[in-house]
């Protein structure tokens, strides 16, 4: 099973429902999910941008598309904590060998500042 999408096709097929907001300072988001064996995995990621519908993060390893995760962290420069479930919508490998992932919130995040 392919864990990573082709970056060119991912960029061409993006259809965002809300505008994204780039982070103004570094922010680390913690992710918890179950691997294929059912074991809990805990990883950290760098926040790239966010919207009312989801987040974009940078990771050192890919996460399979469709994986349901729990994320926790603080939106940089906003003072807003976030703790909610999300689904991996896309995952692409960057030229530097890191991975960009797009997360879609599975619940509406009404307490987030407007993007």
C-alpha atoms as a PDB file:
ATOM      1  CA  UNK A   1       0.000   0.000   0.000  1.00  0.00           C
ATOM      2  CA  UNK A   2       1.355   3.421  -0.923  1.00  0.00           C
ATOM      3  CA  UNK A   3       1.788   5.717   2.092  1.00  0.00           C
ATOM      4  CA  UNK A   4       2.756   8.830   0.156  1.00  0.00           C
ATOM      5  CA  UNK A   5       0.977  10.629  -2.672  1.00  0.00           C
ATOM      6  CA  UNK A   6       2.745  12.107  -5.662  1.00  0.00           C
ATOM      7  CA  UNK A   7       3.359  15.791  -4.727  1.00  0.00           C
ATOM      8  CA  UNK A   8       2.468  17.071  -8.195  1.00  0.00           C
ATOM      9  CA  UNK A   9      -0.926  15.367  -8.295  1.00  0.00           C
ATOM     10  CA  UNK A  10      -1.649  16.419  -4.695  1.00  0.00           C
ATOM     11  CA  UNK A  11      -0.998  20.083  -5.481  1.00  0.00           C
ATOM     12  CA  UNK A  12      -3.155  19.929  -8.587  1.00  0.00           C
ATOM     13  CA  UNK A  13      -6.121  18.336  -6.793  1.00  0.00           C
ATOM     14  CA  UNK A  14      -6.292  20.526  -3.675  1.00  0.00           C
ATOM     15  CA  UNK A  15      -9.741  22.040  -3.216  1.00  0.00           C
ATOM     16  CA  UNK A  16      -9.649  23.946   0.057  1.00  0.00           C
ATOM     17  CA  UNK A  17     -12.951  24.927   1.618  1.00  0.00           C
ATOM     18  CA  UNK A  18     -11.399  27.636   3.790  1.00  0.00           C
ATOM     19  CA  UNK A  19      -8.352  29.878   3.580  1.00  0.00           C
ATOM     20  CA  UNK A  20      -5.113  28.840   5.274  1.00  0.00           C
ATOM     21  CA  UNK A  21      -3.077  30.894   7.689  1.00  0.00           C
ATOM     22  CA  UNK A  22       0.710  30.479   7.802  1.00  0.00           C
ATOM     23  CA  UNK A  23       2.352  30.303  11.216  1.00  0.00           C
ATOM     24  CA  UNK A  24       4.252  33.397  12.344  1.00  0.00           C
ATOM     25  CA  UNK A  25       6.545  31.524  14.747  1.00  0.00           C
ATOM     26  CA  UNK A  26       7.550  27.882  15.236  1.00  0.00           C
ATOM     27  CA  UNK A  27       4.970  25.606  16.831  1.00  0.00           C
ATOM     28  CA  UNK A  28       5.161  21.919  17.718  1.00  0.00           C
ATOM     29  CA  UNK A  29       2.067  19.738  17.508  1.00  0.00           C
ATOM     30  CA  UNK A  30       1.904  16.344  19.204  1.00  0.00           C
ATOM     31  CA  UNK A  31       0.189  13.481  17.373  1.00  0.00           C
ATOM     32  CA  UNK A  32      -1.069  10.195  18.815  1.00  0.00           C
ATOM     33  CA  UNK A  33      -2.357   7.359  16.634  1.00  0.00           C
ATOM     34  CA  UNK A  34      -2.492   3.570  16.416  1.00  0.00           C
ATOM     35  CA  UNK A  35      -0.112   1.795  14.045  1.00  0.00           C
ATOM     36  CA  UNK A  36      -1.110  -1.261  11.986  1.00  0.00           C
ATOM     37  CA  UNK A  37      -0.383  -3.518  14.966  1.00  0.00           C
ATOM     38  CA  UNK A  38      -2.699  -1.484  17.212  1.00  0.00           C
ATOM     39  CA  UNK A  39       0.144   0.046  19.217  1.00  0.00           C
ATOM     40  CA  UNK A  40      -0.040   3.718  20.206  1.00  0.00           C
ATOM     41  CA  UNK A  41       2.484   5.928  18.438  1.00  0.00           C
ATOM     42  CA  UNK A  42       3.433   9.372  19.743  1.00  0.00           C
ATOM     43  CA  UNK A  43       5.224  11.769  17.405  1.00  0.00           C
ATOM     44  CA  UNK A  44       5.862  15.491  17.165  1.00  0.00           C
ATOM     45  CA  UNK A  45       5.413  17.632  14.083  1.00  0.00           C
ATOM     46  CA  UNK A  46       6.084  21.219  13.037  1.00  0.00           C
ATOM     47  CA  UNK A  47       3.014  23.290  12.237  1.00  0.00           C
ATOM     48  CA  UNK A  48       3.148  24.799   8.716  1.00  0.00           C
ATOM     49  CA  UNK A  49      -0.289  26.398   8.385  1.00  0.00           C
ATOM     50  CA  UNK A  50      -3.879  25.988   9.551  1.00  0.00           C
ATOM     51  CA  UNK A  51      -7.484  26.784   8.760  1.00  0.00           C
ATOM     52  CA  UNK A  52     -10.886  26.215  10.300  1.00  0.00           C
ATOM     53  CA  UNK A  53     -10.977  22.835   8.522  1.00  0.00           C
ATOM     54  CA  UNK A  54      -7.519  21.447   9.340  1.00  0.00           C
ATOM     55  CA  UNK A  55      -3.744  21.771   9.646  1.00  0.00           C
ATOM     56  CA  UNK A  56      -0.654  21.197   7.545  1.00  0.00           C
ATOM     57  CA  UNK A  57       2.360  19.725   9.346  1.00  0.00           C
ATOM     58  CA  UNK A  58       5.919  18.598   8.624  1.00  0.00           C
ATOM     59  CA  UNK A  59       7.012  15.171   9.930  1.00  0.00           C
ATOM     60  CA  UNK A  60      10.163  13.020   9.769  1.00  0.00           C
ATOM     61  CA  UNK A  61       8.162   9.926   8.704  1.00  0.00           C
ATOM     62  CA  UNK A  62       4.975   9.436   6.683  1.00  0.00           C
ATOM     63  CA  UNK A  63       1.580   8.559   8.119  1.00  0.00           C
ATOM     64  CA  UNK A  64      -0.844   6.567   6.006  1.00  0.00           C
ATOM     65  CA  UNK A  65      -3.649   8.536   4.357  1.00  0.00           C
ATOM     66  CA  UNK A  66      -6.957   7.959   6.148  1.00  0.00           C
ATOM     67  CA  UNK A  67      -5.331   7.401   9.556  1.00  0.00           C
ATOM     68  CA  UNK A  68      -7.338   8.919  12.403  1.00  0.00           C
ATOM     69  CA  UNK A  69      -5.113  10.762  14.860  1.00  0.00           C
ATOM     70  CA  UNK A  70      -5.448  12.811  18.045  1.00  0.00           C
ATOM     71  CA  UNK A  71      -3.515  16.067  17.978  1.00  0.00           C
ATOM     72  CA  UNK A  72      -2.496  18.455  20.736  1.00  0.00           C
ATOM     73  CA  UNK A  73      -0.589  21.703  20.680  1.00  0.00           C
ATOM     74  CA  UNK A  74      -0.733  25.467  20.498  1.00  0.00           C
ATOM     75  CA  UNK A  75      -1.226  27.517  17.356  1.00  0.00           C
ATOM     76  CA  UNK A  76       1.851  29.723  17.103  1.00  0.00           C
ATOM     77  CA  UNK A  77       1.238  33.385  17.765  1.00  0.00           C
ATOM     78  CA  UNK A  78      -2.445  32.810  18.540  1.00  0.00           C
ATOM     79  CA  UNK A  79      -2.333  31.568  22.111  1.00  0.00           C
ATOM     80  CA  UNK A  80      -4.965  28.991  21.157  1.00  0.00           C
ATOM     81  CA  UNK A  81      -4.574  25.443  22.413  1.00  0.00           C
ATOM     82  CA  UNK A  82      -5.877  22.680  20.208  1.00  0.00           C
ATOM     83  CA  UNK A  83      -6.777  19.124  21.199  1.00  0.00           C
ATOM     84  CA  UNK A  84      -8.960  17.218  18.778  1.00  0.00           C
ATOM     85  CA  UNK A  85      -9.239  14.227  16.449  1.00  0.00           C
ATOM     86  CA  UNK A  86      -8.311  14.589  12.788  1.00  0.00           C
ATOM     87  CA  UNK A  87      -7.818  12.442   9.692  1.00  0.00           C
ATOM     88  CA  UNK A  88      -4.720  12.353   7.472  1.00  0.00           C
ATOM     89  CA  UNK A  89      -6.009  13.739   4.160  1.00  0.00           C
ATOM     90  CA  UNK A  90      -2.727  13.728   2.221  1.00  0.00           C
ATOM     91  CA  UNK A  91       0.981  13.034   2.690  1.00  0.00           C
ATOM     92  CA  UNK A  92       3.863  13.997   0.394  1.00  0.00           C
ATOM     93  CA  UNK A  93       7.638  13.734   0.663  1.00  0.00           C
ATOM     94  CA  UNK A  94       9.601  16.999   0.418  1.00  0.00           C
ATOM     95  CA  UNK A  95      12.934  17.335  -1.373  1.00  0.00           C
ATOM     96  CA  UNK A  96      14.713  17.313   2.015  1.00  0.00           C
ATOM     97  CA  UNK A  97      13.294  13.881   2.895  1.00  0.00           C
ATOM     98  CA  UNK A  98      10.741  15.168   5.416  1.00  0.00           C
ATOM     99  CA  UNK A  99       7.010  14.661   4.932  1.00  0.00           C
ATOM    100  CA  UNK A 100       4.210  17.214   4.655  1.00  0.00           C
ATOM    101  CA  UNK A 101       0.800  16.041   5.803  1.00  0.00           C
ATOM    102  CA  UNK A 102      -2.607  17.612   5.611  1.00  0.00           C
ATOM    103  CA  UNK A 103      -5.014  16.947   8.472  1.00  0.00           C
ATOM    104  CA  UNK A 104      -8.759  17.411   8.311  1.00  0.00           C
ATOM    105  CA  UNK A 105     -10.515  17.970  11.631  1.00  0.00           C
ATOM    106  CA  UNK A 106     -13.189  15.344  12.282  1.00  0.00           C
ATOM    107  CA  UNK A 107     -15.074  17.759  14.545  1.00  0.00           C
ATOM    108  CA  UNK A 108     -15.773  21.455  14.025  1.00  0.00           C
ATOM    109  CA  UNK A 109     -13.239  23.582  15.950  1.00  0.00           C
ATOM    110  CA  UNK A 110     -15.337  26.565  16.990  1.00  0.00           C
ATOM    111  CA  UNK A 111     -12.752  27.850  19.483  1.00  0.00           C
ATOM    112  CA  UNK A 112     -10.034  28.454  16.874  1.00  0.00           C
ATOM    113  CA  UNK A 113      -9.311  32.002  15.723  1.00  0.00           C
ATOM    114  CA  UNK A 114     -10.435  32.761  12.162  1.00  0.00           C
ATOM    115  CA  UNK A 115      -7.804  31.898   9.570  1.00  0.00           C
END
